[in-house]
């Protein structure tokens, strides 16, 4: 019996190598740093981080504390909102249409308002 073999094309071969690299090395090179939010206010904060084409994360941050790192893999941040328990309204952070790779955000007083800013 004879078995016919077919060569792998360049595109298929490159895709196979990329899959093997992810399986062997773990996280793909396109992963972004974990998201963290620092709360510089005197109020507990309920925070929501929305990503482009990914899930939304919700968590709380105590006054004067920084959140635990939130894994986001290859998801770009679209919006970060916060509600202060017993405190004033907060103007959230919103990125452009393609999101941002920024990973550090801070809830701060800005004049008479509270805002979420990218700490870059």
PDB file of N, CA and C in Angstrom:
ATOM      1  N   UNK A   1       0.822  -1.173   0.000  1.00  0.00           N
ATOM      2  CA  UNK A   1       0.000   0.000   0.000  1.00  0.00           C
ATOM      3  C   UNK A   1       0.868   1.239   0.000  1.00  0.00           C
ATOM      4  N   UNK A   2       0.387   2.209  -0.732  1.00  0.00           N
ATOM      5  CA  UNK A   2       1.084   3.476  -0.789  1.00  0.00           C
ATOM      6  C   UNK A   2       0.232   4.545  -0.113  1.00  0.00           C
ATOM      7  N   UNK A   3       0.881   5.414   0.637  1.00  0.00           N
ATOM      8  CA  UNK A   3       0.187   6.519   1.296  1.00  0.00           C
ATOM      9  C   UNK A   3       0.640   7.813   0.657  1.00  0.00           C
ATOM     10  N   UNK A   4      -0.304   8.605   0.268  1.00  0.00           N
ATOM     11  CA  UNK A   4       0.018   9.876  -0.352  1.00  0.00           C
ATOM     12  C   UNK A   4       0.170  10.929   0.741  1.00  0.00           C
ATOM     13  N   UNK A   5       1.224  11.692   0.701  1.00  0.00           N
ATOM     14  CA  UNK A   5       1.437  12.763   1.689  1.00  0.00           C
ATOM     15  C   UNK A   5       1.211  14.107   1.019  1.00  0.00           C
ATOM     16  N   UNK A   6       0.746  15.063   1.821  1.00  0.00           N
ATOM     17  CA  UNK A   6       0.493  16.411   1.327  1.00  0.00           C
ATOM     18  C   UNK A   6       1.337  17.381   2.137  1.00  0.00           C
ATOM     19  N   UNK A   7       2.063  18.269   1.477  1.00  0.00           N
ATOM     20  CA  UNK A   7       2.859  19.257   2.216  1.00  0.00           C
ATOM     21  C   UNK A   7       1.947  20.290   2.877  1.00  0.00           C
ATOM     22  N   UNK A   8       2.366  20.786   4.037  1.00  0.00           N
ATOM     23  CA  UNK A   8       1.617  21.839   4.726  1.00  0.00           C
ATOM     24  C   UNK A   8       1.985  23.160   4.070  1.00  0.00           C
ATOM     25  N   UNK A   9       0.992  23.944   3.724  1.00  0.00           N
ATOM     26  CA  UNK A   9       1.229  25.263   3.130  1.00  0.00           C
ATOM     27  C   UNK A   9       1.854  26.206   4.159  1.00  0.00           C
ATOM     28  N   UNK A  10       2.425  27.299   3.681  1.00  0.00           N
ATOM     29  CA  UNK A  10       3.091  28.250   4.574  1.00  0.00           C
ATOM     30  C   UNK A  10       2.134  28.839   5.602  1.00  0.00           C
ATOM     31  N   UNK A  11       0.940  29.212   5.189  1.00  0.00           N
ATOM     32  CA  UNK A  11      -0.028  29.811   6.110  1.00  0.00           C
ATOM     33  C   UNK A  11      -0.445  28.812   7.182  1.00  0.00           C
ATOM     34  N   UNK A  12      -0.756  27.599   6.766  1.00  0.00           N
ATOM     35  CA  UNK A  12      -1.165  26.571   7.724  1.00  0.00           C
ATOM     36  C   UNK A  12      -0.012  26.216   8.656  1.00  0.00           C
ATOM     37  N   UNK A  13       1.186  26.173   8.133  1.00  0.00           N
ATOM     38  CA  UNK A  13       2.357  25.869   8.954  1.00  0.00           C
ATOM     39  C   UNK A  13       2.613  26.950   9.991  1.00  0.00           C
ATOM     40  N   UNK A  14       2.459  28.221   9.597  1.00  0.00           N
ATOM     41  CA  UNK A  14       2.653  29.341  10.525  1.00  0.00           C
ATOM     42  C   UNK A  14       1.591  29.319  11.616  1.00  0.00           C
ATOM     43  N   UNK A  15       0.356  29.020  11.243  1.00  0.00           N
ATOM     44  CA  UNK A  15      -0.727  28.941  12.224  1.00  0.00           C
ATOM     45  C   UNK A  15      -0.473  27.811  13.215  1.00  0.00           C
ATOM     46  N   UNK A  16      -0.012  26.681  12.717  1.00  0.00           N
ATOM     47  CA  UNK A  16       0.294  25.542  13.582  1.00  0.00           C
ATOM     48  C   UNK A  16       1.415  25.886  14.558  1.00  0.00           C
ATOM     49  N   UNK A  17       2.433  26.576  14.086  1.00  0.00           N
ATOM     50  CA  UNK A  17       3.532  26.988  14.965  1.00  0.00           C
ATOM     51  C   UNK A  17       3.049  27.958  16.035  1.00  0.00           C
ATOM     52  N   UNK A  18       2.170  28.890  15.673  1.00  0.00           N
ATOM     53  CA  UNK A  18       1.633  29.848  16.642  1.00  0.00           C
ATOM     54  C   UNK A  18       0.827  29.133  17.720  1.00  0.00           C
ATOM     55  N   UNK A  19       0.017  28.172  17.327  1.00  0.00           N
ATOM     56  CA  UNK A  19      -0.776  27.400  18.293  1.00  0.00           C
ATOM     57  C   UNK A  19       0.137  26.618  19.218  1.00  0.00           C
ATOM     58  N   UNK A  20       1.153  25.980  18.662  1.00  0.00           N
ATOM     59  CA  UNK A  20       2.097  25.222  19.487  1.00  0.00           C
ATOM     60  C   UNK A  20       2.841  26.138  20.462  1.00  0.00           C
ATOM     61  N   UNK A  21       3.215  27.339  20.015  1.00  0.00           N
ATOM     62  CA  UNK A  21       3.918  28.279  20.897  1.00  0.00           C
ATOM     63  C   UNK A  21       3.048  28.680  22.075  1.00  0.00           C
ATOM     64  N   UNK A  22       1.752  28.927  21.823  1.00  0.00           N
ATOM     65  CA  UNK A  22       0.841  29.291  22.917  1.00  0.00           C
ATOM     66  C   UNK A  22       0.684  28.119  23.876  1.00  0.00           C
ATOM     67  N   UNK A  23       0.542  26.917  23.342  1.00  0.00           N
ATOM     68  CA  UNK A  23       0.384  25.740  24.197  1.00  0.00           C
ATOM     69  C   UNK A  23       1.625  25.474  25.039  1.00  0.00           C
ATOM     70  N   UNK A  24       2.785  25.667  24.466  1.00  0.00           N
ATOM     71  CA  UNK A  24       4.038  25.394  25.171  1.00  0.00           C
ATOM     72  C   UNK A  24       4.403  26.530  26.123  1.00  0.00           C
ATOM     73  N   UNK A  25       4.288  27.767  25.647  1.00  0.00           N
ATOM     74  CA  UNK A  25       4.734  28.917  26.434  1.00  0.00           C
ATOM     75  C   UNK A  25       3.651  29.509  27.326  1.00  0.00           C
ATOM     76  N   UNK A  26       2.406  29.163  27.097  1.00  0.00           N
ATOM     77  CA  UNK A  26       1.334  29.703  27.929  1.00  0.00           C
ATOM     78  C   UNK A  26       0.690  30.909  27.298  1.00  0.00           C
ATOM     79  N   UNK A  27       0.761  32.034  27.963  1.00  0.00           N
ATOM     80  CA  UNK A  27       0.079  33.250  27.551  1.00  0.00           C
ATOM     81  C   UNK A  27       0.639  33.788  26.236  1.00  0.00           C
ATOM     82  N   UNK A  28      -0.233  34.199  25.313  1.00  0.00           N
ATOM     83  CA  UNK A  28       0.255  34.767  24.065  1.00  0.00           C
ATOM     84  C   UNK A  28       0.925  36.109  24.296  1.00  0.00           C
ATOM     85  N   UNK A  29       1.797  36.491  23.388  1.00  0.00           N
ATOM     86  CA  UNK A  29       2.553  37.730  23.515  1.00  0.00           C
ATOM     87  C   UNK A  29       1.643  38.955  23.486  1.00  0.00           C
ATOM     88  N   UNK A  30       0.432  38.828  22.973  1.00  0.00           N
ATOM     89  CA  UNK A  30      -0.466  39.969  22.873  1.00  0.00           C
ATOM     90  C   UNK A  30      -1.227  40.253  24.161  1.00  0.00           C
ATOM     91  N   UNK A  31      -0.981  39.511  25.234  1.00  0.00           N
ATOM     92  CA  UNK A  31      -1.684  39.738  26.497  1.00  0.00           C
ATOM     93  C   UNK A  31      -1.257  41.072  27.098  1.00  0.00           C
ATOM     94  N   UNK A  32      -2.238  41.775  27.690  1.00  0.00           N
ATOM     95  CA  UNK A  32      -1.978  43.069  28.317  1.00  0.00           C
ATOM     96  C   UNK A  32      -1.765  42.882  29.816  1.00  0.00           C
ATOM     97  N   UNK A  33      -1.130  43.876  30.468  1.00  0.00           N
ATOM     98  CA  UNK A  33      -0.951  43.789  31.924  1.00  0.00           C
ATOM     99  C   UNK A  33      -2.301  43.755  32.641  1.00  0.00           C
ATOM    100  N   UNK A  34      -2.331  43.177  33.830  1.00  0.00           N
ATOM    101  CA  UNK A  34      -3.550  43.117  34.631  1.00  0.00           C
ATOM    102  C   UNK A  34      -4.034  44.526  34.967  1.00  0.00           C
ATOM    103  N   UNK A  35      -5.341  44.690  35.049  1.00  0.00           N
ATOM    104  CA  UNK A  35      -5.944  45.980  35.389  1.00  0.00           C
ATOM    105  C   UNK A  35      -5.980  46.136  36.907  1.00  0.00           C
ATOM    106  N   UNK A  36      -5.655  47.349  37.385  1.00  0.00           N
ATOM    107  CA  UNK A  36      -5.783  47.679  38.801  1.00  0.00           C
ATOM    108  C   UNK A  36      -6.389  49.071  38.926  1.00  0.00           C
ATOM    109  N   UNK A  37      -7.224  49.255  39.953  1.00  0.00           N
ATOM    110  CA  UNK A  37      -7.848  50.545  40.208  1.00  0.00           C
ATOM    111  C   UNK A  37      -7.513  50.965  41.633  1.00  0.00           C
ATOM    112  N   UNK A  38      -6.967  52.176  41.761  1.00  0.00           N
ATOM    113  CA  UNK A  38      -6.628  52.740  43.071  1.00  0.00           C
ATOM    114  C   UNK A  38      -7.732  53.718  43.471  1.00  0.00           C
ATOM    115  N   UNK A  39      -8.203  53.597  44.710  1.00  0.00           N
ATOM    116  CA  UNK A  39      -9.253  54.468  45.231  1.00  0.00           C
ATOM    117  C   UNK A  39      -8.628  55.446  46.222  1.00  0.00           C
ATOM    118  N   UNK A  40      -8.445  56.703  45.806  1.00  0.00           N
ATOM    119  CA  UNK A  40      -7.822  57.702  46.686  1.00  0.00           C
ATOM    120  C   UNK A  40      -8.861  58.481  47.493  1.00  0.00           C
ATOM    121  N   UNK A  41     -10.128  58.077  47.396  1.00  0.00           N
ATOM    122  CA  UNK A  41     -11.190  58.794  48.105  1.00  0.00           C
ATOM    123  C   UNK A  41     -11.383  58.232  49.512  1.00  0.00           C
ATOM    124  N   UNK A  42     -12.286  58.878  50.266  1.00  0.00           N
ATOM    125  CA  UNK A  42     -12.617  58.430  51.628  1.00  0.00           C
ATOM    126  C   UNK A  42     -13.835  57.504  51.631  1.00  0.00           C
ATOM    127  N   UNK A  43     -14.287  57.074  50.431  1.00  0.00           N
ATOM    128  CA  UNK A  43     -15.496  56.267  50.308  1.00  0.00           C
ATOM    129  C   UNK A  43     -15.189  54.923  49.644  1.00  0.00           C
ATOM    130  N   UNK A  44     -15.891  53.858  50.068  1.00  0.00           N
ATOM    131  CA  UNK A  44     -15.756  52.587  49.343  1.00  0.00           C
ATOM    132  C   UNK A  44     -16.284  52.760  47.913  1.00  0.00           C
ATOM    133  N   UNK A  45     -15.666  52.099  46.964  1.00  0.00           N
ATOM    134  CA  UNK A  45     -16.055  52.230  45.561  1.00  0.00           C
ATOM    135  C   UNK A  45     -16.463  50.887  44.971  1.00  0.00           C
ATOM    136  N   UNK A  46     -17.559  50.908  44.219  1.00  0.00           N
ATOM    137  CA  UNK A  46     -17.948  49.765  43.390  1.00  0.00           C
ATOM    138  C   UNK A  46     -17.487  50.116  41.976  1.00  0.00           C
ATOM    139  N   UNK A  47     -16.625  49.271  41.406  1.00  0.00           N
ATOM    140  CA  UNK A  47     -15.982  49.561  40.119  1.00  0.00           C
ATOM    141  C   UNK A  47     -16.431  48.553  39.070  1.00  0.00           C
ATOM    142  N   UNK A  48     -16.576  49.037  37.843  1.00  0.00           N
ATOM    143  CA  UNK A  48     -16.898  48.169  36.717  1.00  0.00           C
ATOM    144  C   UNK A  48     -15.940  48.509  35.576  1.00  0.00           C
ATOM    145  N   UNK A  49     -15.265  47.470  35.057  1.00  0.00           N
ATOM    146  CA  UNK A  49     -14.346  47.634  33.930  1.00  0.00           C
ATOM    147  C   UNK A  49     -14.947  46.903  32.729  1.00  0.00           C
ATOM    148  N   UNK A  50     -15.182  47.654  31.648  1.00  0.00           N
ATOM    149  CA  UNK A  50     -15.727  47.077  30.417  1.00  0.00           C
ATOM    150  C   UNK A  50     -14.612  47.004  29.383  1.00  0.00           C
ATOM    151  N   UNK A  51     -14.587  45.901  28.657  1.00  0.00           N
ATOM    152  CA  UNK A  51     -13.555  45.659  27.652  1.00  0.00           C
ATOM    153  C   UNK A  51     -14.190  45.575  26.275  1.00  0.00           C
ATOM    154  N   UNK A  52     -13.376  45.736  25.238  1.00  0.00           N
ATOM    155  CA  UNK A  52     -13.851  45.542  23.872  1.00  0.00           C
ATOM    156  C   UNK A  52     -14.021  44.051  23.615  1.00  0.00           C
ATOM    157  N   UNK A  53     -15.196  43.646  23.217  1.00  0.00           N
ATOM    158  CA  UNK A  53     -15.479  42.261  22.819  1.00  0.00           C
ATOM    159  C   UNK A  53     -15.108  41.223  23.875  1.00  0.00           C
ATOM    160  N   UNK A  54     -15.109  41.612  25.140  1.00  0.00           N
ATOM    161  CA  UNK A  54     -14.812  40.679  26.238  1.00  0.00           C
ATOM    162  C   UNK A  54     -15.818  40.900  27.358  1.00  0.00           C
ATOM    163  N   UNK A  55     -15.693  40.140  28.400  1.00  0.00           N
ATOM    164  CA  UNK A  55     -16.574  40.228  29.554  1.00  0.00           C
ATOM    165  C   UNK A  55     -16.398  41.577  30.259  1.00  0.00           C
ATOM    166  N   UNK A  56     -17.257  41.835  31.253  1.00  0.00           N
ATOM    167  CA  UNK A  56     -17.143  43.015  32.107  1.00  0.00           C
ATOM    168  C   UNK A  56     -16.788  42.533  33.508  1.00  0.00           C
ATOM    169  N   UNK A  57     -15.827  43.194  34.160  1.00  0.00           N
ATOM    170  CA  UNK A  57     -15.444  42.845  35.528  1.00  0.00           C
ATOM    171  C   UNK A  57     -16.031  43.851  36.498  1.00  0.00           C
ATOM    172  N   UNK A  58     -16.565  43.369  37.619  1.00  0.00           N
ATOM    173  CA  UNK A  58     -17.098  44.220  38.679  1.00  0.00           C
ATOM    174  C   UNK A  58     -16.444  43.822  39.988  1.00  0.00           C
ATOM    175  N   UNK A  59     -16.043  44.816  40.785  1.00  0.00           N
ATOM    176  CA  UNK A  59     -15.388  44.548  42.064  1.00  0.00           C
ATOM    177  C   UNK A  59     -15.458  45.792  42.931  1.00  0.00           C
ATOM    178  N   UNK A  60     -15.093  45.660  44.200  1.00  0.00           N
ATOM    179  CA  UNK A  60     -15.090  46.777  45.146  1.00  0.00           C
ATOM    180  C   UNK A  60     -13.661  47.122  45.535  1.00  0.00           C
ATOM    181  N   UNK A  61     -13.451  48.416  45.844  1.00  0.00           N
ATOM    182  CA  UNK A  61     -12.139  48.877  46.291  1.00  0.00           C
ATOM    183  C   UNK A  61     -12.360  49.755  47.528  1.00  0.00           C
ATOM    184  N   UNK A  62     -11.716  49.412  48.616  1.00  0.00           N
ATOM    185  CA  UNK A  62     -11.836  50.175  49.858  1.00  0.00           C
ATOM    186  C   UNK A  62     -11.152  51.535  49.738  1.00  0.00           C
ATOM    187  N   UNK A  63     -11.546  52.495  50.593  1.00  0.00           N
ATOM    188  CA  UNK A  63     -10.903  53.812  50.572  1.00  0.00           C
ATOM    189  C   UNK A  63      -9.393  53.688  50.798  1.00  0.00           C
ATOM    190  N   UNK A  64      -8.618  54.424  50.022  1.00  0.00           N
ATOM    191  CA  UNK A  64      -7.165  54.414  50.176  1.00  0.00           C
ATOM    192  C   UNK A  64      -6.484  53.129  49.756  1.00  0.00           C
ATOM    193  N   UNK A  65      -7.193  52.248  49.056  1.00  0.00           N
ATOM    194  CA  UNK A  65      -6.642  50.946  48.651  1.00  0.00           C
ATOM    195  C   UNK A  65      -6.571  50.813  47.135  1.00  0.00           C
ATOM    196  N   UNK A  66      -5.859  49.782  46.707  1.00  0.00           N
ATOM    197  CA  UNK A  66      -5.769  49.426  45.293  1.00  0.00           C
ATOM    198  C   UNK A  66      -6.361  48.033  45.120  1.00  0.00           C
ATOM    199  N   UNK A  67      -7.121  47.853  44.060  1.00  0.00           N
ATOM    200  CA  UNK A  67      -7.746  46.551  43.805  1.00  0.00           C
ATOM    201  C   UNK A  67      -6.701  45.474  43.569  1.00  0.00           C
ATOM    202  N   UNK A  68      -7.108  44.233  43.759  1.00  0.00           N
ATOM    203  CA  UNK A  68      -6.243  43.129  43.371  1.00  0.00           C
ATOM    204  C   UNK A  68      -6.155  43.153  41.845  1.00  0.00           C
ATOM    205  N   UNK A  69      -5.065  42.664  41.266  1.00  0.00           N
ATOM    206  CA  UNK A  69      -4.933  42.670  39.805  1.00  0.00           C
ATOM    207  C   UNK A  69      -6.041  41.844  39.142  1.00  0.00           C
ATOM    208  N   UNK A  70      -6.617  42.393  38.097  1.00  0.00           N
ATOM    209  CA  UNK A  70      -7.684  41.729  37.334  1.00  0.00           C
ATOM    210  C   UNK A  70      -7.101  41.294  35.993  1.00  0.00           C
ATOM    211  N   UNK A  71      -7.100  39.990  35.747  1.00  0.00           N
ATOM    212  CA  UNK A  71      -6.559  39.451  34.491  1.00  0.00           C
ATOM    213  C   UNK A  71      -7.479  39.797  33.338  1.00  0.00           C
ATOM    214  N   UNK A  72      -6.885  40.239  32.245  1.00  0.00           N
ATOM    215  CA  UNK A  72      -7.694  40.582  31.072  1.00  0.00           C
ATOM    216  C   UNK A  72      -7.170  39.998  29.774  1.00  0.00           C
ATOM    217  N   UNK A  73      -6.065  39.281  29.822  1.00  0.00           N
ATOM    218  CA  UNK A  73      -5.487  38.627  28.633  1.00  0.00           C
ATOM    219  C   UNK A  73      -5.316  39.626  27.495  1.00  0.00           C
ATOM    220  N   UNK A  74      -5.982  39.401  26.370  1.00  0.00           N
ATOM    221  CA  UNK A  74      -5.811  40.265  25.193  1.00  0.00           C
ATOM    222  C   UNK A  74      -6.954  41.264  25.051  1.00  0.00           C
ATOM    223  N   UNK A  75      -7.654  41.547  26.149  1.00  0.00           N
ATOM    224  CA  UNK A  75      -8.796  42.471  26.096  1.00  0.00           C
ATOM    225  C   UNK A  75      -8.356  43.908  26.338  1.00  0.00           C
ATOM    226  N   UNK A  76      -8.793  44.812  25.459  1.00  0.00           N
ATOM    227  CA  UNK A  76      -8.497  46.244  25.615  1.00  0.00           C
ATOM    228  C   UNK A  76      -9.601  46.899  26.441  1.00  0.00           C
ATOM    229  N   UNK A  77      -9.219  47.810  27.332  1.00  0.00           N
ATOM    230  CA  UNK A  77     -10.170  48.484  28.216  1.00  0.00           C
ATOM    231  C   UNK A  77     -10.955  49.520  27.422  1.00  0.00           C
ATOM    232  N   UNK A  78     -12.264  49.458  27.539  1.00  0.00           N
ATOM    233  CA  UNK A  78     -13.154  50.415  26.866  1.00  0.00           C
ATOM    234  C   UNK A  78     -13.637  51.485  27.838  1.00  0.00           C
ATOM    235  N   UNK A  79     -13.985  51.057  29.084  1.00  0.00           N
ATOM    236  CA  UNK A  79     -14.574  51.987  30.035  1.00  0.00           C
ATOM    237  C   UNK A  79     -14.321  51.509  31.461  1.00  0.00           C
ATOM    238  N   UNK A  80     -14.080  52.467  32.381  1.00  0.00           N
ATOM    239  CA  UNK A  80     -13.964  52.171  33.808  1.00  0.00           C
ATOM    240  C   UNK A  80     -14.900  53.136  34.524  1.00  0.00           C
ATOM    241  N   UNK A  81     -15.883  52.578  35.245  1.00  0.00           N
ATOM    242  CA  UNK A  81     -16.818  53.406  35.995  1.00  0.00           C
ATOM    243  C   UNK A  81     -16.725  53.065  37.470  1.00  0.00           C
ATOM    244  N   UNK A  82     -17.115  54.023  38.316  1.00  0.00           N
ATOM    245  CA  UNK A  82     -17.084  53.799  39.763  1.00  0.00           C
ATOM    246  C   UNK A  82     -18.259  54.505  40.416  1.00  0.00           C
ATOM    247  N   UNK A  83     -18.810  53.878  41.429  1.00  0.00           N
ATOM    248  CA  UNK A  83     -19.836  54.476  42.278  1.00  0.00           C
ATOM    249  C   UNK A  83     -19.295  54.478  43.695  1.00  0.00           C
ATOM    250  N   UNK A  84     -19.287  55.643  44.325  1.00  0.00           N
ATOM    251  CA  UNK A  84     -18.793  55.759  45.692  1.00  0.00           C
ATOM    252  C   UNK A  84     -19.962  55.585  46.655  1.00  0.00           C
ATOM    253  N   UNK A  85     -19.836  54.650  47.591  1.00  0.00           N
ATOM    254  CA  UNK A  85     -20.890  54.374  48.564  1.00  0.00           C
ATOM    255  C   UNK A  85     -20.942  55.535  49.557  1.00  0.00           C
ATOM    256  N   UNK A  86     -22.056  56.284  49.542  1.00  0.00           N
ATOM    257  CA  UNK A  86     -22.211  57.425  50.437  1.00  0.00           C
ATOM    258  C   UNK A  86     -21.436  58.655  49.988  1.00  0.00           C
ATOM    259  N   UNK A  87     -20.906  58.624  48.790  1.00  0.00           N
ATOM    260  CA  UNK A  87     -20.094  59.737  48.301  1.00  0.00           C
ATOM    261  C   UNK A  87     -20.675  60.394  47.062  1.00  0.00           C
ATOM    262  N   UNK A  88     -19.953  61.354  46.515  1.00  0.00           N
ATOM    263  CA  UNK A  88     -20.430  62.063  45.321  1.00  0.00           C
ATOM    264  C   UNK A  88     -20.355  61.197  44.064  1.00  0.00           C
ATOM    265  N   UNK A  89     -20.991  61.695  43.007  1.00  0.00           N
ATOM    266  CA  UNK A  89     -20.960  60.999  41.711  1.00  0.00           C
ATOM    267  C   UNK A  89     -19.540  61.020  41.153  1.00  0.00           C
ATOM    268  N   UNK A  90     -19.222  60.018  40.349  1.00  0.00           N
ATOM    269  CA  UNK A  90     -17.886  59.888  39.749  1.00  0.00           C
ATOM    270  C   UNK A  90     -18.032  59.904  38.231  1.00  0.00           C
ATOM    271  N   UNK A  91     -17.236  60.741  37.571  1.00  0.00           N
ATOM    272  CA  UNK A  91     -17.189  60.720  36.103  1.00  0.00           C
ATOM    273  C   UNK A  91     -16.207  59.620  35.698  1.00  0.00           C
ATOM    274  N   UNK A  92     -16.682  58.641  34.946  1.00  0.00           N
ATOM    275  CA  UNK A  92     -15.869  57.489  34.580  1.00  0.00           C
ATOM    276  C   UNK A  92     -14.854  57.783  33.488  1.00  0.00           C
ATOM    277  N   UNK A  93     -13.980  56.815  33.273  1.00  0.00           N
ATOM    278  CA  UNK A  93     -12.984  56.869  32.198  1.00  0.00           C
ATOM    279  C   UNK A  93     -13.571  56.155  30.991  1.00  0.00           C
ATOM    280  N   UNK A  94     -13.443  56.760  29.821  1.00  0.00           N
ATOM    281  CA  UNK A  94     -13.886  56.099  28.587  1.00  0.00           C
ATOM    282  C   UNK A  94     -12.829  56.322  27.519  1.00  0.00           C
ATOM    283  N   UNK A  95     -12.396  55.229  26.904  1.00  0.00           N
ATOM    284  CA  UNK A  95     -11.360  55.314  25.876  1.00  0.00           C
ATOM    285  C   UNK A  95     -11.990  55.529  24.506  1.00  0.00           C
ATOM    286  N   UNK A  96     -11.135  55.636  23.517  1.00  0.00           N
ATOM    287  CA  UNK A  96     -11.613  55.761  22.145  1.00  0.00           C
ATOM    288  C   UNK A  96     -12.266  54.455  21.709  1.00  0.00           C
ATOM    289  N   UNK A  97     -12.757  54.416  20.490  1.00  0.00           N
ATOM    290  CA  UNK A  97     -13.473  53.249  19.980  1.00  0.00           C
ATOM    291  C   UNK A  97     -12.663  51.962  19.991  1.00  0.00           C
ATOM    292  N   UNK A  98     -11.330  52.061  19.876  1.00  0.00           N
ATOM    293  CA  UNK A  98     -10.519  50.844  19.835  1.00  0.00           C
ATOM    294  C   UNK A  98      -9.993  50.431  21.206  1.00  0.00           C
ATOM    295  N   UNK A  99     -10.437  51.086  22.260  1.00  0.00           N
ATOM    296  CA  UNK A  99     -10.016  50.721  23.604  1.00  0.00           C
ATOM    297  C   UNK A  99      -8.589  51.167  23.895  1.00  0.00           C
ATOM    298  N   UNK A 100      -8.127  50.860  25.092  1.00  0.00           N
ATOM    299  CA  UNK A 100      -6.775  51.240  25.497  1.00  0.00           C
ATOM    300  C   UNK A 100      -6.059  50.056  26.138  1.00  0.00           C
ATOM    301  N   UNK A 101      -4.756  50.066  26.043  1.00  0.00           N
ATOM    302  CA  UNK A 101      -3.954  49.035  26.699  1.00  0.00           C
ATOM    303  C   UNK A 101      -3.582  49.456  28.120  1.00  0.00           C
ATOM    304  N   UNK A 102      -3.976  50.690  28.535  1.00  0.00           N
ATOM    305  CA  UNK A 102      -3.684  51.166  29.890  1.00  0.00           C
ATOM    306  C   UNK A 102      -4.173  50.142  30.913  1.00  0.00           C
ATOM    307  N   UNK A 103      -3.430  50.008  32.002  1.00  0.00           N
ATOM    308  CA  UNK A 103      -3.796  49.002  32.998  1.00  0.00           C
ATOM    309  C   UNK A 103      -3.984  49.566  34.405  1.00  0.00           C
ATOM    310  N   UNK A 104      -3.524  50.777  34.647  1.00  0.00           N
ATOM    311  CA  UNK A 104      -3.620  51.392  35.974  1.00  0.00           C
ATOM    312  C   UNK A 104      -4.583  52.571  35.918  1.00  0.00           C
ATOM    313  N   UNK A 105      -5.572  52.553  36.810  1.00  0.00           N
ATOM    314  CA  UNK A 105      -6.561  53.614  36.873  1.00  0.00           C
ATOM    315  C   UNK A 105      -6.696  54.083  38.320  1.00  0.00           C
ATOM    316  N   UNK A 106      -7.080  55.369  38.492  1.00  0.00           N
ATOM    317  CA  UNK A 106      -7.194  55.950  39.823  1.00  0.00           C
ATOM    318  C   UNK A 106      -8.488  56.739  39.932  1.00  0.00           C
ATOM    319  N   UNK A 107      -9.172  56.567  41.057  1.00  0.00           N
ATOM    320  CA  UNK A 107     -10.340  57.381  41.367  1.00  0.00           C
ATOM    321  C   UNK A 107      -9.827  58.553  42.196  1.00  0.00           C
ATOM    322  N   UNK A 108      -9.976  59.769  41.670  1.00  0.00           N
ATOM    323  CA  UNK A 108      -9.405  60.960  42.321  1.00  0.00           C
ATOM    324  C   UNK A 108     -10.393  62.116  42.321  1.00  0.00           C
ATOM    325  N   UNK A 109     -10.134  63.086  43.216  1.00  0.00           N
ATOM    326  CA  UNK A 109     -10.879  64.336  43.199  1.00  0.00           C
ATOM    327  C   UNK A 109     -10.249  65.232  42.144  1.00  0.00           C
ATOM    328  N   UNK A 110     -11.090  65.848  41.331  1.00  0.00           N
ATOM    329  CA  UNK A 110     -10.615  66.783  40.310  1.00  0.00           C
ATOM    330  C   UNK A 110     -11.478  68.027  40.440  1.00  0.00           C
ATOM    331  N   UNK A 111     -10.983  69.011  41.179  1.00  0.00           N
ATOM    332  CA  UNK A 111     -11.799  70.181  41.474  1.00  0.00           C
ATOM    333  C   UNK A 111     -12.941  69.769  42.384  1.00  0.00           C
ATOM    334  N   UNK A 112     -14.161  70.092  42.007  1.00  0.00           N
ATOM    335  CA  UNK A 112     -15.325  69.747  42.806  1.00  0.00           C
ATOM    336  C   UNK A 112     -15.900  68.388  42.412  1.00  0.00           C
ATOM    337  N   UNK A 113     -15.237  67.669  41.515  1.00  0.00           N
ATOM    338  CA  UNK A 113     -15.760  66.400  41.003  1.00  0.00           C
ATOM    339  C   UNK A 113     -14.818  65.244  41.360  1.00  0.00           C
ATOM    340  N   UNK A 114     -15.356  64.043  41.253  1.00  0.00           N
ATOM    341  CA  UNK A 114     -14.559  62.824  41.358  1.00  0.00           C
ATOM    342  C   UNK A 114     -14.495  62.228  39.953  1.00  0.00           C
ATOM    343  N   UNK A 115     -13.318  61.724  39.583  1.00  0.00           N
ATOM    344  CA  UNK A 115     -13.156  61.151  38.252  1.00  0.00           C
ATOM    345  C   UNK A 115     -12.315  59.881  38.324  1.00  0.00           C
ATOM    346  N   UNK A 116     -12.464  59.035  37.299  1.00  0.00           N
ATOM    347  CA  UNK A 116     -11.577  57.894  37.111  1.00  0.00           C
ATOM    348  C   UNK A 116     -10.594  58.315  36.026  1.00  0.00           C
ATOM    349  N   UNK A 117      -9.306  58.253  36.341  1.00  0.00           N
ATOM    350  CA  UNK A 117      -8.262  58.640  35.390  1.00  0.00           C
ATOM    351  C   UNK A 117      -7.346  57.453  35.107  1.00  0.00           C
ATOM    352  N   UNK A 118      -6.787  57.458  33.918  1.00  0.00           N
ATOM    353  CA  UNK A 118      -5.754  56.477  33.609  1.00  0.00           C
ATOM    354  C   UNK A 118      -4.468  56.946  34.264  1.00  0.00           C
ATOM    355  N   UNK A 119      -3.822  56.068  35.005  1.00  0.00           N
ATOM    356  CA  UNK A 119      -2.558  56.410  35.665  1.00  0.00           C
ATOM    357  C   UNK A 119      -1.378  56.041  34.783  1.00  0.00           C
ATOM    358  N   UNK A 120      -1.638  55.361  33.694  1.00  0.00           N
ATOM    359  CA  UNK A 120      -0.635  54.899  32.733  1.00  0.00           C
ATOM    360  C   UNK A 120       0.513  54.333  33.458  1.00  0.00           C
TER     361      UNK A 120
END
